[in-house]
Amino acid sequence: MTTCMSDHAPDKFWRGAALGCGADLAPWLRDPGSLTQRIQQRCTNFAVRGVRSGLARIALDETALLSVAPRQLAWSREVFLYADDQPMVFAHSALAREHLRGAWSAVRTLGSNPLGALLFAHPLVERKPLHYQALRNTHRLYQRAASVLSDPPHRLWARRSLFYLHDAPLLVTEVFLPGILLLKIPARV
């Protein structure tokens, strides 16, 4: 996979730096590699547990990045990544409906397989720069991510980036849950 610094659609809604993020979480947020692979390397049992997948309304900032009309349905997938039966990450992905029949047709049949395995194995997939946001409890993605936590913190850090395959964008957002800090910190990148 290639990483390119030029953007088809720049993310003006989230920050290009994780300002205010703690030093313990920063290596997880900033690592441009496969988050799925990083977690798998640090646990005995890895699992993807699906929440939902299908056509849905996505957030306005997501529609802008994906060139989807604000009220138009888009494809959306939401899952939790678990390590040794503990939730580590809530992952939300979205793409325009018309790309389900073309470039990204494989995402419809992922089931409990990680999207990261598909993204990082395909040589033509191009990842754009990461963007960050500290999500508060009023944010829709915070609420979905915190649903598995007994005592959620007042904010959860998230990152997102666009992946392109044949000029078709797929937006992937990863919300980091407190359990991620219990895994070994990855080496600095």
N, C-alpha and C. Protein backbone atom coordinates (compact mmCIF):
# COMPACT_ATOMS: atom_id res chain seq x y z
N MET A 1 0.84 -1.16 0.00
CA MET A 1 0.00 0.00 0.00
C MET A 1 0.89 1.23 0.00
N THR A 2 0.45 2.26 -0.69
CA THR A 2 1.20 3.51 -0.72
C THR A 2 0.53 4.54 0.15
N THR A 3 1.31 5.45 0.68
CA THR A 3 0.77 6.58 1.42
C THR A 3 1.15 7.83 0.67
N CYS A 4 0.18 8.65 0.40
CA CYS A 4 0.41 9.85 -0.39
C CYS A 4 0.00 11.07 0.42
N MET A 5 0.76 12.12 0.36
CA MET A 5 0.47 13.31 1.14
C MET A 5 -0.53 14.24 0.45
N SER A 6 -0.71 14.13 -0.85
CA SER A 6 -1.68 15.00 -1.50
C SER A 6 -3.08 14.42 -1.29
N ASP A 7 -4.05 15.28 -1.10
CA ASP A 7 -5.41 14.83 -0.80
C ASP A 7 -6.34 15.09 -1.95
N HIS A 8 -7.22 14.12 -2.23
CA HIS A 8 -8.33 14.36 -3.14
C HIS A 8 -9.33 15.29 -2.45
N ALA A 9 -9.64 14.97 -1.19
CA ALA A 9 -10.58 15.75 -0.38
C ALA A 9 -9.96 15.95 0.99
N PRO A 10 -9.37 17.12 1.26
CA PRO A 10 -8.72 17.33 2.55
C PRO A 10 -9.73 17.28 3.69
N ASP A 11 -9.32 16.77 4.83
CA ASP A 11 -10.18 16.67 6.01
C ASP A 11 -10.06 17.97 6.79
N LYS A 12 -10.97 18.90 6.55
CA LYS A 12 -10.94 20.18 7.25
C LYS A 12 -11.74 20.14 8.54
N PHE A 13 -12.31 18.99 8.86
CA PHE A 13 -13.16 18.86 10.04
C PHE A 13 -12.41 18.35 11.26
N TRP A 14 -11.36 17.57 11.03
CA TRP A 14 -10.56 17.01 12.12
C TRP A 14 -9.16 17.59 12.01
N ARG A 15 -8.37 17.49 13.06
CA ARG A 15 -7.03 18.08 13.10
C ARG A 15 -5.97 17.15 12.49
N GLY A 16 -4.95 17.78 11.94
CA GLY A 16 -3.83 17.04 11.39
C GLY A 16 -2.81 16.62 12.43
N ALA A 17 -3.02 17.00 13.69
CA ALA A 17 -2.13 16.60 14.78
C ALA A 17 -3.00 16.26 16.00
N ALA A 18 -2.52 15.33 16.80
CA ALA A 18 -3.25 14.90 17.99
C ALA A 18 -2.84 15.76 19.19
N LEU A 19 -3.14 17.05 19.11
CA LEU A 19 -2.77 17.99 20.16
C LEU A 19 -3.53 17.69 21.45
N GLY A 20 -2.79 17.53 22.54
CA GLY A 20 -3.42 17.27 23.83
C GLY A 20 -3.57 15.80 24.15
N CYS A 21 -3.13 14.95 23.26
CA CYS A 21 -3.20 13.51 23.50
C CYS A 21 -2.06 13.11 24.44
N GLY A 22 -2.35 12.21 25.36
CA GLY A 22 -1.33 11.74 26.30
C GLY A 22 -0.22 10.95 25.61
N ALA A 23 0.96 10.99 26.21
CA ALA A 23 2.13 10.32 25.63
C ALA A 23 1.94 8.80 25.54
N ASP A 24 1.10 8.23 26.40
CA ASP A 24 0.88 6.79 26.37
C ASP A 24 0.01 6.36 25.18
N LEU A 25 -0.90 7.21 24.77
CA LEU A 25 -1.79 6.89 23.65
C LEU A 25 -1.24 7.35 22.30
N ALA A 26 -0.41 8.37 22.31
CA ALA A 26 0.10 8.96 21.06
C ALA A 26 0.70 7.95 20.08
N PRO A 27 1.51 6.98 20.53
CA PRO A 27 2.06 6.02 19.55
C PRO A 27 0.98 5.21 18.84
N TRP A 28 -0.09 4.90 19.53
CA TRP A 28 -1.20 4.17 18.92
C TRP A 28 -1.90 5.04 17.89
N LEU A 29 -2.15 6.28 18.23
CA LEU A 29 -2.86 7.20 17.33
C LEU A 29 -2.06 7.51 16.08
N ARG A 30 -0.77 7.73 16.24
CA ARG A 30 0.05 8.23 15.13
C ARG A 30 0.60 7.15 14.22
N ASP A 31 0.53 5.92 14.61
CA ASP A 31 1.08 4.83 13.80
C ASP A 31 0.28 4.67 12.51
N PRO A 32 0.92 4.86 11.35
CA PRO A 32 0.19 4.78 10.08
C PRO A 32 -0.03 3.36 9.57
N GLY A 33 0.51 2.38 10.27
CA GLY A 33 0.36 1.00 9.84
C GLY A 33 -1.00 0.43 10.21
N SER A 34 -1.14 -0.86 10.06
CA SER A 34 -2.39 -1.55 10.34
C SER A 34 -2.61 -1.66 11.84
N LEU A 35 -3.66 -1.00 12.33
CA LEU A 35 -4.02 -1.09 13.74
C LEU A 35 -4.42 -2.51 14.10
N THR A 36 -5.13 -3.15 13.21
CA THR A 36 -5.52 -4.55 13.43
C THR A 36 -4.29 -5.42 13.68
N GLN A 37 -3.29 -5.28 12.84
CA GLN A 37 -2.07 -6.08 12.98
C GLN A 37 -1.35 -5.76 14.29
N ARG A 38 -1.29 -4.50 14.66
CA ARG A 38 -0.63 -4.10 15.91
C ARG A 38 -1.31 -4.76 17.11
N ILE A 39 -2.63 -4.75 17.11
CA ILE A 39 -3.35 -5.36 18.22
C ILE A 39 -3.15 -6.87 18.21
N GLN A 40 -3.25 -7.49 17.04
CA GLN A 40 -3.07 -8.94 16.94
C GLN A 40 -1.71 -9.38 17.47
N GLN A 41 -0.68 -8.58 17.25
CA GLN A 41 0.67 -8.91 17.70
C GLN A 41 0.81 -8.82 19.21
N ARG A 42 -0.14 -8.20 19.89
CA ARG A 42 -0.02 -7.95 21.31
C ARG A 42 -1.07 -8.68 22.15
N CYS A 43 -1.72 -9.66 21.56
CA CYS A 43 -2.71 -10.42 22.33
C CYS A 43 -2.71 -11.88 21.88
N THR A 44 -3.39 -12.69 22.65
CA THR A 44 -3.52 -14.11 22.32
C THR A 44 -4.74 -14.35 21.43
N ASN A 45 -5.85 -13.72 21.77
CA ASN A 45 -7.09 -13.90 21.01
C ASN A 45 -7.60 -12.56 20.50
N PHE A 46 -7.66 -12.41 19.18
CA PHE A 46 -8.16 -11.21 18.55
C PHE A 46 -9.51 -11.53 17.93
N ALA A 47 -10.44 -10.59 18.03
CA ALA A 47 -11.77 -10.80 17.44
C ALA A 47 -12.35 -9.49 16.95
N VAL A 48 -13.11 -9.59 15.86
CA VAL A 48 -13.90 -8.47 15.35
C VAL A 48 -15.34 -8.80 15.65
N ARG A 49 -15.98 -7.94 16.38
CA ARG A 49 -17.38 -8.16 16.73
C ARG A 49 -18.21 -7.06 16.08
N GLY A 50 -19.09 -7.49 15.21
CA GLY A 50 -19.88 -6.54 14.45
C GLY A 50 -20.99 -5.90 15.24
N VAL A 51 -21.22 -4.67 14.95
CA VAL A 51 -22.33 -3.95 15.54
C VAL A 51 -23.40 -3.79 14.46
N ARG A 52 -22.99 -3.21 13.32
CA ARG A 52 -23.93 -3.07 12.21
C ARG A 52 -23.16 -2.83 10.92
N SER A 53 -23.84 -3.18 9.83
CA SER A 53 -23.27 -3.00 8.50
C SER A 53 -24.42 -2.87 7.52
N GLY A 54 -24.34 -1.86 6.66
CA GLY A 54 -25.38 -1.67 5.67
C GLY A 54 -25.54 -0.21 5.30
N LEU A 55 -26.61 0.09 4.59
CA LEU A 55 -26.88 1.46 4.19
C LEU A 55 -27.40 2.26 5.38
N ALA A 56 -26.88 3.48 5.54
CA ALA A 56 -27.25 4.32 6.67
C ALA A 56 -26.93 5.77 6.36
N ARG A 57 -27.47 6.65 7.16
CA ARG A 57 -27.07 8.06 7.07
C ARG A 57 -25.77 8.20 7.84
N ILE A 58 -24.84 8.92 7.26
CA ILE A 58 -23.56 9.16 7.92
C ILE A 58 -23.48 10.64 8.30
N ALA A 59 -22.51 10.99 9.11
CA ALA A 59 -22.35 12.36 9.59
C ALA A 59 -22.06 13.32 8.43
N LEU A 60 -22.45 14.58 8.61
CA LEU A 60 -22.26 15.58 7.57
C LEU A 60 -20.79 15.75 7.17
N ASP A 61 -19.88 15.71 8.14
CA ASP A 61 -18.47 15.85 7.79
C ASP A 61 -17.98 14.65 6.98
N GLU A 62 -18.58 13.49 7.20
CA GLU A 62 -18.23 12.30 6.42
C GLU A 62 -18.76 12.41 4.99
N THR A 63 -20.00 12.90 4.85
CA THR A 63 -20.56 13.05 3.51
C THR A 63 -19.71 14.00 2.68
N ALA A 64 -19.21 15.06 3.30
CA ALA A 64 -18.37 16.03 2.58
C ALA A 64 -17.08 15.37 2.08
N LEU A 65 -16.46 14.56 2.90
CA LEU A 65 -15.21 13.89 2.51
C LEU A 65 -15.43 12.84 1.42
N LEU A 66 -16.61 12.23 1.41
CA LEU A 66 -16.88 11.14 0.48
C LEU A 66 -17.67 11.59 -0.75
N SER A 67 -17.97 12.87 -0.83
CA SER A 67 -18.78 13.42 -1.93
C SER A 67 -20.13 12.74 -2.04
N VAL A 68 -20.76 12.56 -0.90
CA VAL A 68 -22.10 11.98 -0.80
C VAL A 68 -23.05 13.10 -0.43
N ALA A 69 -24.20 13.17 -1.09
CA ALA A 69 -25.20 14.19 -0.74
C ALA A 69 -25.61 14.01 0.71
N PRO A 70 -25.81 15.10 1.46
CA PRO A 70 -26.09 15.02 2.90
C PRO A 70 -27.22 14.09 3.32
N ARG A 71 -28.28 13.98 2.57
CA ARG A 71 -29.40 13.12 2.98
C ARG A 71 -29.38 11.75 2.29
N GLN A 72 -28.38 11.52 1.47
CA GLN A 72 -28.27 10.25 0.75
C GLN A 72 -27.70 9.17 1.67
N LEU A 73 -28.20 7.96 1.50
CA LEU A 73 -27.66 6.85 2.28
C LEU A 73 -26.29 6.46 1.74
N ALA A 74 -25.43 6.05 2.66
CA ALA A 74 -24.10 5.56 2.31
C ALA A 74 -23.92 4.20 2.98
N TRP A 75 -22.93 3.47 2.55
CA TRP A 75 -22.62 2.21 3.22
C TRP A 75 -21.83 2.50 4.46
N SER A 76 -22.16 1.85 5.55
CA SER A 76 -21.48 2.06 6.82
C SER A 76 -21.29 0.72 7.53
N ARG A 77 -20.14 0.57 8.16
CA ARG A 77 -19.85 -0.63 8.95
C ARG A 77 -19.28 -0.19 10.28
N GLU A 78 -19.78 -0.76 11.35
CA GLU A 78 -19.29 -0.45 12.68
C GLU A 78 -19.01 -1.75 13.43
N VAL A 79 -17.78 -1.83 13.95
CA VAL A 79 -17.36 -3.03 14.67
C VAL A 79 -16.50 -2.63 15.87
N PHE A 80 -16.34 -3.57 16.77
CA PHE A 80 -15.38 -3.44 17.86
C PHE A 80 -14.25 -4.41 17.61
N LEU A 81 -13.03 -3.97 17.89
CA LEU A 81 -11.86 -4.84 17.85
C LEU A 81 -11.57 -5.25 19.29
N TYR A 82 -11.53 -6.55 19.52
CA TYR A 82 -11.31 -7.09 20.85
C TYR A 82 -9.95 -7.78 20.92
N ALA A 83 -9.28 -7.63 22.05
CA ALA A 83 -8.03 -8.35 22.33
C ALA A 83 -8.24 -9.08 23.65
N ASP A 84 -8.11 -10.38 23.61
CA ASP A 84 -8.29 -11.20 24.81
C ASP A 84 -9.59 -10.85 25.54
N ASP A 85 -10.67 -10.78 24.78
CA ASP A 85 -12.03 -10.52 25.26
C ASP A 85 -12.25 -9.13 25.86
N GLN A 86 -11.35 -8.20 25.59
CA GLN A 86 -11.51 -6.82 26.06
C GLN A 86 -11.64 -5.90 24.85
N PRO A 87 -12.61 -4.99 24.85
CA PRO A 87 -12.75 -4.07 23.72
C PRO A 87 -11.60 -3.06 23.68
N MET A 88 -10.97 -2.93 22.53
CA MET A 88 -9.83 -2.03 22.36
C MET A 88 -10.16 -0.82 21.49
N VAL A 89 -10.93 -1.05 20.43
CA VAL A 89 -11.18 -0.02 19.43
C VAL A 89 -12.59 -0.19 18.88
N PHE A 90 -13.25 0.94 18.67
CA PHE A 90 -14.50 0.97 17.92
C PHE A 90 -14.14 1.50 16.55
N ALA A 91 -14.46 0.75 15.50
CA ALA A 91 -14.11 1.16 14.13
C ALA A 91 -15.37 1.42 13.32
N HIS A 92 -15.38 2.57 12.67
CA HIS A 92 -16.50 2.99 11.82
C HIS A 92 -15.94 3.26 10.43
N SER A 93 -16.53 2.66 9.43
CA SER A 93 -16.10 2.93 8.06
C SER A 93 -17.32 3.31 7.23
N ALA A 94 -17.07 4.15 6.22
CA ALA A 94 -18.16 4.63 5.38
C ALA A 94 -17.67 4.85 3.96
N LEU A 95 -18.57 4.62 3.00
CA LEU A 95 -18.26 4.90 1.60
C LEU A 95 -19.54 5.12 0.83
N ALA A 96 -19.40 5.79 -0.30
CA ALA A 96 -20.55 6.05 -1.16
C ALA A 96 -21.12 4.73 -1.67
N ARG A 97 -22.42 4.66 -1.73
CA ARG A 97 -23.13 3.44 -2.13
C ARG A 97 -22.67 2.90 -3.48
N GLU A 98 -22.39 3.80 -4.44
CA GLU A 98 -22.02 3.34 -5.79
C GLU A 98 -20.69 2.59 -5.83
N HIS A 99 -19.85 2.76 -4.80
CA HIS A 99 -18.56 2.06 -4.80
C HIS A 99 -18.66 0.63 -4.26
N LEU A 100 -19.84 0.25 -3.78
CA LEU A 100 -20.04 -1.13 -3.33
C LEU A 100 -20.03 -2.12 -4.48
N ARG A 101 -20.37 -1.66 -5.67
CA ARG A 101 -20.38 -2.54 -6.84
C ARG A 101 -19.07 -2.48 -7.60
N GLY A 102 -18.23 -1.55 -7.25
CA GLY A 102 -16.99 -1.36 -7.98
C GLY A 102 -15.79 -1.65 -7.11
N ALA A 103 -15.01 -0.60 -6.87
CA ALA A 103 -13.71 -0.73 -6.21
C ALA A 103 -13.78 -1.44 -4.85
N TRP A 104 -14.77 -1.12 -4.05
CA TRP A 104 -14.83 -1.64 -2.69
C TRP A 104 -15.87 -2.75 -2.51
N SER A 105 -16.16 -3.51 -3.54
CA SER A 105 -17.19 -4.56 -3.45
C SER A 105 -16.87 -5.59 -2.36
N ALA A 106 -15.62 -5.81 -2.06
CA ALA A 106 -15.23 -6.82 -1.06
C ALA A 106 -15.66 -6.46 0.36
N VAL A 107 -15.93 -5.18 0.63
CA VAL A 107 -16.29 -4.81 2.00
C VAL A 107 -17.66 -5.33 2.41
N ARG A 108 -18.52 -5.60 1.45
CA ARG A 108 -19.87 -6.10 1.77
C ARG A 108 -19.84 -7.47 2.42
N THR A 109 -18.82 -8.25 2.14
CA THR A 109 -18.78 -9.63 2.61
C THR A 109 -17.73 -9.86 3.69
N LEU A 110 -17.29 -8.81 4.38
CA LEU A 110 -16.26 -8.96 5.40
C LEU A 110 -16.73 -9.76 6.61
N GLY A 111 -17.98 -9.59 6.99
CA GLY A 111 -18.47 -10.30 8.18
C GLY A 111 -17.63 -9.93 9.39
N SER A 112 -17.09 -10.95 10.07
CA SER A 112 -16.26 -10.69 11.25
C SER A 112 -14.77 -10.65 10.91
N ASN A 113 -14.45 -10.51 9.64
CA ASN A 113 -13.06 -10.33 9.24
C ASN A 113 -12.68 -8.87 9.35
N PRO A 114 -11.43 -8.58 9.73
CA PRO A 114 -11.03 -7.18 9.88
C PRO A 114 -10.86 -6.47 8.53
N LEU A 115 -11.36 -5.26 8.45
CA LEU A 115 -11.20 -4.44 7.26
C LEU A 115 -9.72 -4.14 7.02
N GLY A 116 -8.96 -3.97 8.09
CA GLY A 116 -7.53 -3.67 7.97
C GLY A 116 -6.78 -4.70 7.16
N ALA A 117 -7.15 -5.96 7.28
CA ALA A 117 -6.47 -7.01 6.51
C ALA A 117 -6.66 -6.78 5.02
N LEU A 118 -7.84 -6.34 4.63
CA LEU A 118 -8.12 -6.05 3.22
C LEU A 118 -7.36 -4.80 2.77
N LEU A 119 -7.41 -3.75 3.57
CA LEU A 119 -6.80 -2.48 3.20
C LEU A 119 -5.28 -2.58 3.04
N PHE A 120 -4.63 -3.26 3.95
CA PHE A 120 -3.18 -3.28 3.94
C PHE A 120 -2.60 -4.41 3.10
N ALA A 121 -3.44 -5.28 2.58
CA ALA A 121 -2.96 -6.34 1.70
C ALA A 121 -3.05 -5.97 0.23
N HIS A 122 -3.90 -5.02 -0.10
CA HIS A 122 -4.13 -4.66 -1.50
C HIS A 122 -3.08 -3.64 -1.95
N PRO A 123 -2.27 -3.96 -2.95
CA PRO A 123 -1.19 -3.05 -3.36
C PRO A 123 -1.65 -1.74 -3.99
N LEU A 124 -2.89 -1.66 -4.45
CA LEU A 124 -3.37 -0.44 -5.09
C LEU A 124 -4.09 0.51 -4.15
N VAL A 125 -4.27 0.10 -2.89
CA VAL A 125 -4.93 0.96 -1.92
C VAL A 125 -3.95 2.05 -1.48
N GLU A 126 -4.43 3.27 -1.50
CA GLU A 126 -3.63 4.43 -1.13
C GLU A 126 -4.25 5.07 0.11
N ARG A 127 -3.44 5.24 1.16
CA ARG A 127 -3.94 5.83 2.40
C ARG A 127 -3.52 7.30 2.47
N LYS A 128 -4.46 8.15 2.82
CA LYS A 128 -4.20 9.57 3.01
C LYS A 128 -3.77 9.82 4.45
N PRO A 129 -3.30 11.01 4.77
CA PRO A 129 -2.82 11.30 6.13
C PRO A 129 -3.90 11.10 7.20
N LEU A 130 -3.43 10.75 8.38
CA LEU A 130 -4.30 10.60 9.54
C LEU A 130 -4.74 11.96 10.06
N HIS A 131 -5.96 12.02 10.58
CA HIS A 131 -6.49 13.20 11.25
C HIS A 131 -7.09 12.74 12.58
N TYR A 132 -7.13 13.65 13.54
CA TYR A 132 -7.45 13.28 14.92
C TYR A 132 -8.51 14.18 15.53
N GLN A 133 -9.18 13.62 16.56
CA GLN A 133 -10.13 14.41 17.32
C GLN A 133 -10.36 13.72 18.66
N ALA A 134 -10.47 14.53 19.71
CA ALA A 134 -10.88 14.03 21.02
C ALA A 134 -12.40 14.13 21.04
N LEU A 135 -13.07 12.99 21.06
CA LEU A 135 -14.53 12.97 21.00
C LEU A 135 -15.12 13.12 22.40
N ARG A 136 -16.07 13.99 22.54
CA ARG A 136 -16.79 14.20 23.80
C ARG A 136 -18.04 13.31 23.81
N ASN A 137 -18.67 13.22 24.96
CA ASN A 137 -19.82 12.32 25.10
C ASN A 137 -21.04 12.73 24.29
N THR A 138 -21.02 13.90 23.67
CA THR A 138 -22.13 14.31 22.81
C THR A 138 -21.95 13.86 21.36
N HIS A 139 -20.76 13.38 21.03
CA HIS A 139 -20.48 12.94 19.66
C HIS A 139 -21.07 11.54 19.43
N ARG A 140 -21.69 11.37 18.27
CA ARG A 140 -22.34 10.11 17.93
C ARG A 140 -21.37 8.91 18.01
N LEU A 141 -20.14 9.08 17.53
CA LEU A 141 -19.18 7.97 17.56
C LEU A 141 -18.70 7.67 18.99
N TYR A 142 -18.58 8.70 19.81
CA TYR A 142 -18.25 8.49 21.23
C TYR A 142 -19.33 7.61 21.86
N GLN A 143 -20.59 7.96 21.63
CA GLN A 143 -21.70 7.24 22.25
C GLN A 143 -21.71 5.78 21.84
N ARG A 144 -21.47 5.50 20.56
CA ARG A 144 -21.43 4.10 20.12
C ARG A 144 -20.24 3.37 20.71
N ALA A 145 -19.09 4.03 20.72
CA ALA A 145 -17.87 3.40 21.24
C ALA A 145 -18.00 3.14 22.74
N ALA A 146 -18.54 4.10 23.48
CA ALA A 146 -18.63 3.98 24.94
C ALA A 146 -19.70 2.99 25.39
N SER A 147 -20.51 2.51 24.48
CA SER A 147 -21.59 1.59 24.86
C SER A 147 -21.10 0.29 25.50
N VAL A 148 -19.84 -0.08 25.27
CA VAL A 148 -19.31 -1.31 25.85
C VAL A 148 -18.49 -1.05 27.12
N LEU A 149 -18.42 0.20 27.55
CA LEU A 149 -17.62 0.55 28.72
C LEU A 149 -18.50 0.74 29.95
N SER A 150 -18.08 0.20 31.08
CA SER A 150 -18.86 0.36 32.31
C SER A 150 -18.65 1.74 32.91
N ASP A 151 -17.48 2.31 32.73
CA ASP A 151 -17.17 3.63 33.28
C ASP A 151 -16.41 4.44 32.22
N PRO A 152 -17.13 4.96 31.22
CA PRO A 152 -16.45 5.66 30.13
C PRO A 152 -15.80 6.97 30.58
N PRO A 153 -14.63 7.29 30.02
CA PRO A 153 -13.98 8.57 30.33
C PRO A 153 -14.75 9.72 29.70
N HIS A 154 -14.41 10.96 30.05
CA HIS A 154 -15.14 12.12 29.52
C HIS A 154 -14.84 12.38 28.05
N ARG A 155 -13.78 11.78 27.52
CA ARG A 155 -13.48 11.89 26.09
C ARG A 155 -12.75 10.65 25.63
N LEU A 156 -12.87 10.37 24.35
CA LEU A 156 -12.17 9.26 23.72
C LEU A 156 -11.46 9.80 22.48
N TRP A 157 -10.21 9.45 22.32
CA TRP A 157 -9.45 9.89 21.15
C TRP A 157 -9.78 9.02 19.96
N ALA A 158 -9.86 9.67 18.81
CA ALA A 158 -10.15 8.95 17.56
C ALA A 158 -9.22 9.47 16.46
N ARG A 159 -9.02 8.63 15.48
CA ARG A 159 -8.28 9.03 14.29
C ARG A 159 -9.07 8.54 13.08
N ARG A 160 -8.85 9.20 11.96
CA ARG A 160 -9.49 8.73 10.75
C ARG A 160 -8.63 9.10 9.56
N SER A 161 -8.85 8.35 8.48
CA SER A 161 -8.18 8.66 7.23
C SER A 161 -8.97 8.06 6.07
N LEU A 162 -8.72 8.64 4.92
CA LEU A 162 -9.34 8.15 3.69
C LEU A 162 -8.41 7.14 3.04
N PHE A 163 -9.01 6.08 2.53
CA PHE A 163 -8.30 5.09 1.73
C PHE A 163 -8.89 5.17 0.33
N TYR A 164 -8.05 5.18 -0.67
CA TYR A 164 -8.52 5.25 -2.06
C TYR A 164 -8.14 3.98 -2.80
N LEU A 165 -9.09 3.48 -3.58
CA LEU A 165 -8.86 2.39 -4.50
C LEU A 165 -9.55 2.78 -5.81
N HIS A 166 -8.77 2.94 -6.86
CA HIS A 166 -9.29 3.38 -8.16
C HIS A 166 -10.11 4.67 -8.02
N ASP A 167 -9.58 5.64 -7.30
CA ASP A 167 -10.20 6.95 -7.07
C ASP A 167 -11.51 6.89 -6.28
N ALA A 168 -11.82 5.77 -5.67
CA ALA A 168 -13.02 5.63 -4.84
C ALA A 168 -12.61 5.72 -3.37
N PRO A 169 -13.12 6.73 -2.63
CA PRO A 169 -12.71 6.89 -1.23
C PRO A 169 -13.52 6.03 -0.25
N LEU A 170 -12.82 5.53 0.75
CA LEU A 170 -13.39 4.81 1.88
C LEU A 170 -12.85 5.50 3.13
N LEU A 171 -13.73 5.95 4.00
CA LEU A 171 -13.33 6.64 5.22
C LEU A 171 -13.34 5.67 6.38
N VAL A 172 -12.23 5.58 7.10
CA VAL A 172 -12.12 4.70 8.26
C VAL A 172 -11.81 5.55 9.49
N THR A 173 -12.66 5.41 10.50
CA THR A 173 -12.48 6.11 11.77
C THR A 173 -12.30 5.07 12.86
N GLU A 174 -11.29 5.26 13.70
CA GLU A 174 -11.00 4.33 14.79
C GLU A 174 -11.03 5.11 16.10
N VAL A 175 -11.90 4.68 17.01
CA VAL A 175 -12.04 5.31 18.33
C VAL A 175 -11.34 4.40 19.33
N PHE A 176 -10.36 4.94 20.03
CA PHE A 176 -9.55 4.15 20.95
C PHE A 176 -10.18 4.09 22.32
N LEU A 177 -10.37 2.88 22.82
CA LEU A 177 -10.97 2.66 24.13
C LEU A 177 -9.85 2.54 25.17
N PRO A 178 -10.14 2.78 26.46
CA PRO A 178 -9.09 2.77 27.48
C PRO A 178 -8.27 1.48 27.55
N GLY A 179 -8.86 0.35 27.20
CA GLY A 179 -8.14 -0.92 27.25
C GLY A 179 -6.92 -0.99 26.36
N ILE A 180 -6.86 -0.16 25.35
CA ILE A 180 -5.71 -0.18 24.42
C ILE A 180 -4.41 0.09 25.17
N LEU A 181 -4.49 0.84 26.27
CA LEU A 181 -3.29 1.18 27.02
C LEU A 181 -2.75 0.00 27.83
N LEU A 182 -3.53 -1.05 27.94
CA LEU A 182 -3.07 -2.24 28.64
C LEU A 182 -2.22 -3.14 27.75
N LEU A 183 -2.29 -2.91 26.45
CA LEU A 183 -1.46 -3.65 25.51
C LEU A 183 -0.09 -3.00 25.45
N LYS A 184 0.91 -3.77 25.06
CA LYS A 184 2.25 -3.21 24.92
C LYS A 184 2.24 -2.05 23.94
N ILE A 185 2.89 -0.98 24.28
CA ILE A 185 2.96 0.18 23.39
C ILE A 185 3.82 -0.17 22.19
N PRO A 186 3.32 0.12 20.97
CA PRO A 186 4.13 -0.16 19.78
C PRO A 186 5.36 0.74 19.73
N ALA A 187 6.36 0.28 18.98
CA ALA A 187 7.57 1.07 18.80
C ALA A 187 7.23 2.37 18.12
N ARG A 188 7.98 3.42 18.42
CA ARG A 188 7.76 4.73 17.79
C ARG A 188 7.99 4.63 16.28
N VAL A 189 7.18 5.43 15.57
CA VAL A 189 7.30 5.47 14.10
C VAL A 189 7.89 6.79 13.68
